[in-house]
Amino acid sequence: MKIPDEIRVFNFESKLGYVALRAFFRICSDWNATVDEQCRLLKVGLIELERLRKLPPEPLPRDKLVRIRCFVLTYKAMVAHYGGIPKANREMRVARRGDPFFGKTPLQVMLNGGVIGIASVCKAIAGEVPRMEPPMKAAS
């Protein structure tokens, strides 16, 4: 079967990275995250963050996609739980009790805990965590 050229050259991974970054920057805007917080959440430097902000579609490393997926799951769960974006966004900066927060805000846990902190907040708020391991390659 011959695949048309426009489908064969279409890079789905680039589009996924582009959409993920748009979602990340939108969520950070809603959370009123500073540039420093955005750098720490994505684990990049300032120059890399600005490059990603202006980037044409290109594939993102798996760890960045997993981080962004956790942010999206957390964001969706907070909005669903609190019934609106403004209230949910305020709650990201309100200290909570219990595991994994222990008196810290969800955003503080994400910022200070690295990918483990991000995943634990996602699990505590959304009830699920995206798969961390890379997808299995199909046998050829």
C-alpha atoms as a PDB file:
ATOM      1  CA  MET A   1       0.000   0.000   0.000  1.00  0.00           C
ATOM      2  CA  LYS A   2       1.382   3.385  -0.983  1.00  0.00           C
ATOM      3  CA  ILE A   3       1.099   6.128   1.627  1.00  0.00           C
ATOM      4  CA  PRO A   4       0.506   9.639   0.224  1.00  0.00           C
ATOM      5  CA  ASP A   5       3.505  11.968   0.511  1.00  0.00           C
ATOM      6  CA  GLU A   6       1.731  14.525   2.713  1.00  0.00           C
ATOM      7  CA  ILE A   7       0.974  11.800   5.295  1.00  0.00           C
ATOM      8  CA  ARG A   8       4.370  10.128   5.041  1.00  0.00           C
ATOM      9  CA  VAL A   9       6.252  13.378   5.770  1.00  0.00           C
ATOM     10  CA  PHE A  10       3.873  14.520   8.539  1.00  0.00           C
ATOM     11  CA  ASN A  11       5.706  14.400  11.860  1.00  0.00           C
ATOM     12  CA  PHE A  12       3.213  13.587  14.613  1.00  0.00           C
ATOM     13  CA  GLU A  13       5.860  13.839  17.348  1.00  0.00           C
ATOM     14  CA  SER A  14       6.592  17.439  16.346  1.00  0.00           C
ATOM     15  CA  LYS A  15       2.915  18.332  16.521  1.00  0.00           C
ATOM     16  CA  LEU A  16       2.594  16.610  19.894  1.00  0.00           C
ATOM     17  CA  GLY A  17       5.499  18.654  21.244  1.00  0.00           C
ATOM     18  CA  TYR A  18       3.969  21.861  19.878  1.00  0.00           C
ATOM     19  CA  VAL A  19       0.550  21.174  21.430  1.00  0.00           C
ATOM     20  CA  ALA A  20       2.133  20.101  24.733  1.00  0.00           C
ATOM     21  CA  LEU A  21       4.163  23.317  24.955  1.00  0.00           C
ATOM     22  CA  ARG A  22       1.102  25.436  24.176  1.00  0.00           C
ATOM     23  CA  ALA A  23      -0.767  23.658  26.970  1.00  0.00           C
ATOM     24  CA  PHE A  24       2.172  24.120  29.352  1.00  0.00           C
ATOM     25  CA  PHE A  25       2.441  27.864  28.737  1.00  0.00           C
ATOM     26  CA  ARG A  26      -1.333  28.292  29.015  1.00  0.00           C
ATOM     27  CA  ILE A  27      -1.414  26.445  32.347  1.00  0.00           C
ATOM     28  CA  CYS A  28       1.563  28.466  33.635  1.00  0.00           C
ATOM     29  CA  SER A  29      -0.247  31.641  32.635  1.00  0.00           C
ATOM     30  CA  ASP A  30      -3.371  30.535  34.502  1.00  0.00           C
ATOM     31  CA  TRP A  31      -1.293  29.550  37.555  1.00  0.00           C
ATOM     32  CA  ASN A  32       0.544  32.912  37.412  1.00  0.00           C
ATOM     33  CA  ALA A  33       3.836  31.017  37.342  1.00  0.00           C
ATOM     34  CA  THR A  34       6.921  33.209  37.110  1.00  0.00           C
ATOM     35  CA  VAL A  35       9.573  32.607  34.468  1.00  0.00           C
ATOM     36  CA  ASP A  36      11.782  31.068  37.160  1.00  0.00           C
ATOM     37  CA  GLU A  37       8.988  28.677  38.167  1.00  0.00           C
ATOM     38  CA  GLN A  38       8.398  27.742  34.524  1.00  0.00           C
ATOM     39  CA  CYS A  39      12.103  26.955  34.111  1.00  0.00           C
ATOM     40  CA  ARG A  40      12.081  24.779  37.234  1.00  0.00           C
ATOM     41  CA  LEU A  41       8.866  22.978  36.249  1.00  0.00           C
ATOM     42  CA  LEU A  42      10.245  22.019  32.832  1.00  0.00           C
ATOM     43  CA  LYS A  43      13.819  21.616  34.143  1.00  0.00           C
ATOM     44  CA  VAL A  44      15.327  23.975  31.576  1.00  0.00           C
ATOM     45  CA  GLY A  45      17.317  27.186  31.670  1.00  0.00           C
ATOM     46  CA  LEU A  46      16.006  30.610  30.710  1.00  0.00           C
ATOM     47  CA  ILE A  47      17.457  30.548  27.203  1.00  0.00           C
ATOM     48  CA  GLU A  48      16.004  27.073  26.572  1.00  0.00           C
ATOM     49  CA  LEU A  49      12.597  28.185  27.917  1.00  0.00           C
ATOM     50  CA  GLU A  50      12.500  31.174  25.579  1.00  0.00           C
ATOM     51  CA  ARG A  51      13.575  28.952  22.683  1.00  0.00           C
ATOM     52  CA  LEU A  52      10.730  26.555  23.489  1.00  0.00           C
ATOM     53  CA  ARG A  53       8.266  29.450  23.752  1.00  0.00           C
ATOM     54  CA  LYS A  54       9.042  30.608  20.187  1.00  0.00           C
ATOM     55  CA  LEU A  55       9.643  27.169  18.771  1.00  0.00           C
ATOM     56  CA  PRO A  56       8.207  25.871  15.550  1.00  0.00           C
ATOM     57  CA  PRO A  57       6.887  22.329  16.028  1.00  0.00           C
ATOM     58  CA  GLU A  58       9.637  19.881  16.956  1.00  0.00           C
ATOM     59  CA  PRO A  59       9.703  16.674  18.995  1.00  0.00           C
ATOM     60  CA  LEU A  60      10.104  17.056  22.763  1.00  0.00           C
ATOM     61  CA  PRO A  61      12.074  14.651  24.963  1.00  0.00           C
ATOM     62  CA  ARG A  62       9.907  12.092  26.742  1.00  0.00           C
ATOM     63  CA  ASP A  63      10.633  13.489  30.222  1.00  0.00           C
ATOM     64  CA  LYS A  64       9.274  16.902  29.216  1.00  0.00           C
ATOM     65  CA  LEU A  65       6.158  15.311  27.695  1.00  0.00           C
ATOM     66  CA  VAL A  66       5.547  13.344  30.909  1.00  0.00           C
ATOM     67  CA  ARG A  67       5.984  16.483  33.012  1.00  0.00           C
ATOM     68  CA  ILE A  68       3.548  18.425  30.830  1.00  0.00           C
ATOM     69  CA  ARG A  69       1.052  15.541  30.894  1.00  0.00           C
ATOM     70  CA  CYS A  70       1.141  15.638  34.707  1.00  0.00           C
ATOM     71  CA  PHE A  71       0.468  19.394  34.649  1.00  0.00           C
ATOM     72  CA  VAL A  72      -2.479  18.890  32.298  1.00  0.00           C
ATOM     73  CA  LEU A  73      -3.959  16.094  34.443  1.00  0.00           C
ATOM     74  CA  THR A  74      -3.548  18.191  37.596  1.00  0.00           C
ATOM     75  CA  TYR A  75      -5.046  21.262  35.925  1.00  0.00           C
ATOM     76  CA  LYS A  76      -8.072  19.357  34.615  1.00  0.00           C
ATOM     77  CA  ALA A  77      -8.711  17.675  37.964  1.00  0.00           C
ATOM     78  CA  MET A  78      -8.472  20.976  39.859  1.00  0.00           C
ATOM     79  CA  VAL A  79     -10.869  22.735  37.483  1.00  0.00           C
ATOM     80  CA  ALA A  80     -13.342  19.842  37.685  1.00  0.00           C
ATOM     81  CA  HIS A  81     -13.123  19.694  41.481  1.00  0.00           C
ATOM     82  CA  TYR A  82     -13.441  23.434  42.125  1.00  0.00           C
ATOM     83  CA  GLY A  83     -15.931  24.141  39.347  1.00  0.00           C
ATOM     84  CA  GLY A  84     -13.974  26.877  37.630  1.00  0.00           C
ATOM     85  CA  ILE A  85     -10.567  27.982  36.489  1.00  0.00           C
ATOM     86  CA  PRO A  86     -10.072  30.993  38.841  1.00  0.00           C
ATOM     87  CA  LYS A  87     -10.826  29.030  42.048  1.00  0.00           C
ATOM     88  CA  ALA A  88      -8.753  26.053  40.881  1.00  0.00           C
ATOM     89  CA  ASN A  89      -5.810  28.308  40.074  1.00  0.00           C
ATOM     90  CA  ARG A  90      -5.941  29.958  43.511  1.00  0.00           C
ATOM     91  CA  GLU A  91      -5.902  26.523  45.127  1.00  0.00           C
ATOM     92  CA  MET A  92      -2.548  25.729  43.459  1.00  0.00           C
ATOM     93  CA  ARG A  93      -0.972  28.289  45.827  1.00  0.00           C
ATOM     94  CA  VAL A  94      -2.829  27.291  49.009  1.00  0.00           C
ATOM     95  CA  ALA A  95      -1.010  25.091  51.530  1.00  0.00           C
ATOM     96  CA  ARG A  96      -2.469  21.606  52.060  1.00  0.00           C
ATOM     97  CA  ARG A  97      -2.133  18.945  54.697  1.00  0.00           C
ATOM     98  CA  GLY A  98      -1.371  15.286  54.205  1.00  0.00           C
ATOM     99  CA  ASP A  99       0.801  13.315  51.882  1.00  0.00           C
ATOM    100  CA  PRO A 100       2.576  14.567  49.675  1.00  0.00           C
ATOM    101  CA  PHE A 101       2.022  18.203  50.711  1.00  0.00           C
ATOM    102  CA  PHE A 102       2.730  18.403  54.472  1.00  0.00           C
ATOM    103  CA  GLY A 103       1.884  22.104  54.726  1.00  0.00           C
ATOM    104  CA  LYS A 104       3.194  23.099  51.287  1.00  0.00           C
ATOM    105  CA  THR A 105       1.251  24.188  48.229  1.00  0.00           C
ATOM    106  CA  PRO A 106       0.904  21.841  45.247  1.00  0.00           C
ATOM    107  CA  LEU A 107       3.032  24.227  43.209  1.00  0.00           C
ATOM    108  CA  GLN A 108       5.806  24.235  45.852  1.00  0.00           C
ATOM    109  CA  VAL A 109       5.872  20.427  45.890  1.00  0.00           C
ATOM    110  CA  MET A 110       6.109  20.371  42.085  1.00  0.00           C
ATOM    111  CA  LEU A 111       8.882  22.966  42.064  1.00  0.00           C
ATOM    112  CA  ASN A 112      10.988  21.409  44.814  1.00  0.00           C
ATOM    113  CA  GLY A 113      10.374  17.717  44.174  1.00  0.00           C
ATOM    114  CA  GLY A 114      11.440  17.406  40.550  1.00  0.00           C
ATOM    115  CA  VAL A 115       9.684  14.783  38.474  1.00  0.00           C
ATOM    116  CA  ILE A 116       8.863  12.765  41.619  1.00  0.00           C
ATOM    117  CA  GLY A 117       7.181  15.808  43.183  1.00  0.00           C
ATOM    118  CA  ILE A 118       5.279  16.518  39.980  1.00  0.00           C
ATOM    119  CA  ALA A 119       4.102  12.906  39.722  1.00  0.00           C
ATOM    120  CA  SER A 120       3.122  12.748  43.400  1.00  0.00           C
ATOM    121  CA  VAL A 121       1.037  15.932  43.145  1.00  0.00           C
ATOM    122  CA  CYS A 122      -0.564  14.581  39.988  1.00  0.00           C
ATOM    123  CA  LYS A 123      -1.395  11.309  41.758  1.00  0.00           C
ATOM    124  CA  ALA A 124      -2.745  13.103  44.853  1.00  0.00           C
ATOM    125  CA  ILE A 125      -4.933  15.545  42.914  1.00  0.00           C
ATOM    126  CA  ALA A 126      -5.852  13.729  39.691  1.00  0.00           C
ATOM    127  CA  GLY A 127      -5.669  10.161  40.997  1.00  0.00           C
ATOM    128  CA  GLU A 128      -3.468   8.985  38.142  1.00  0.00           C
ATOM    129  CA  VAL A 129       0.008   9.380  36.714  1.00  0.00           C
ATOM    130  CA  PRO A 130       0.964   8.979  33.050  1.00  0.00           C
ATOM    131  CA  ARG A 131       3.225   6.085  32.096  1.00  0.00           C
ATOM    132  CA  MET A 132       6.831   7.007  32.770  1.00  0.00           C
ATOM    133  CA  GLU A 133       8.575   4.324  30.750  1.00  0.00           C
ATOM    134  CA  PRO A 134       9.076   4.817  27.013  1.00  0.00           C
ATOM    135  CA  PRO A 135       6.652   3.008  24.720  1.00  0.00           C
ATOM    136  CA  MET A 136       7.728  -0.403  23.477  1.00  0.00           C
ATOM    137  CA  LYS A 137       9.034  -0.523  19.922  1.00  0.00           C
ATOM    138  CA  ALA A 138       7.121  -2.743  17.534  1.00  0.00           C
ATOM    139  CA  ALA A 139       8.960  -5.847  16.434  1.00  0.00           C
ATOM    140  CA  SER A 140      10.120  -5.617  12.854  1.00  0.00           C
END
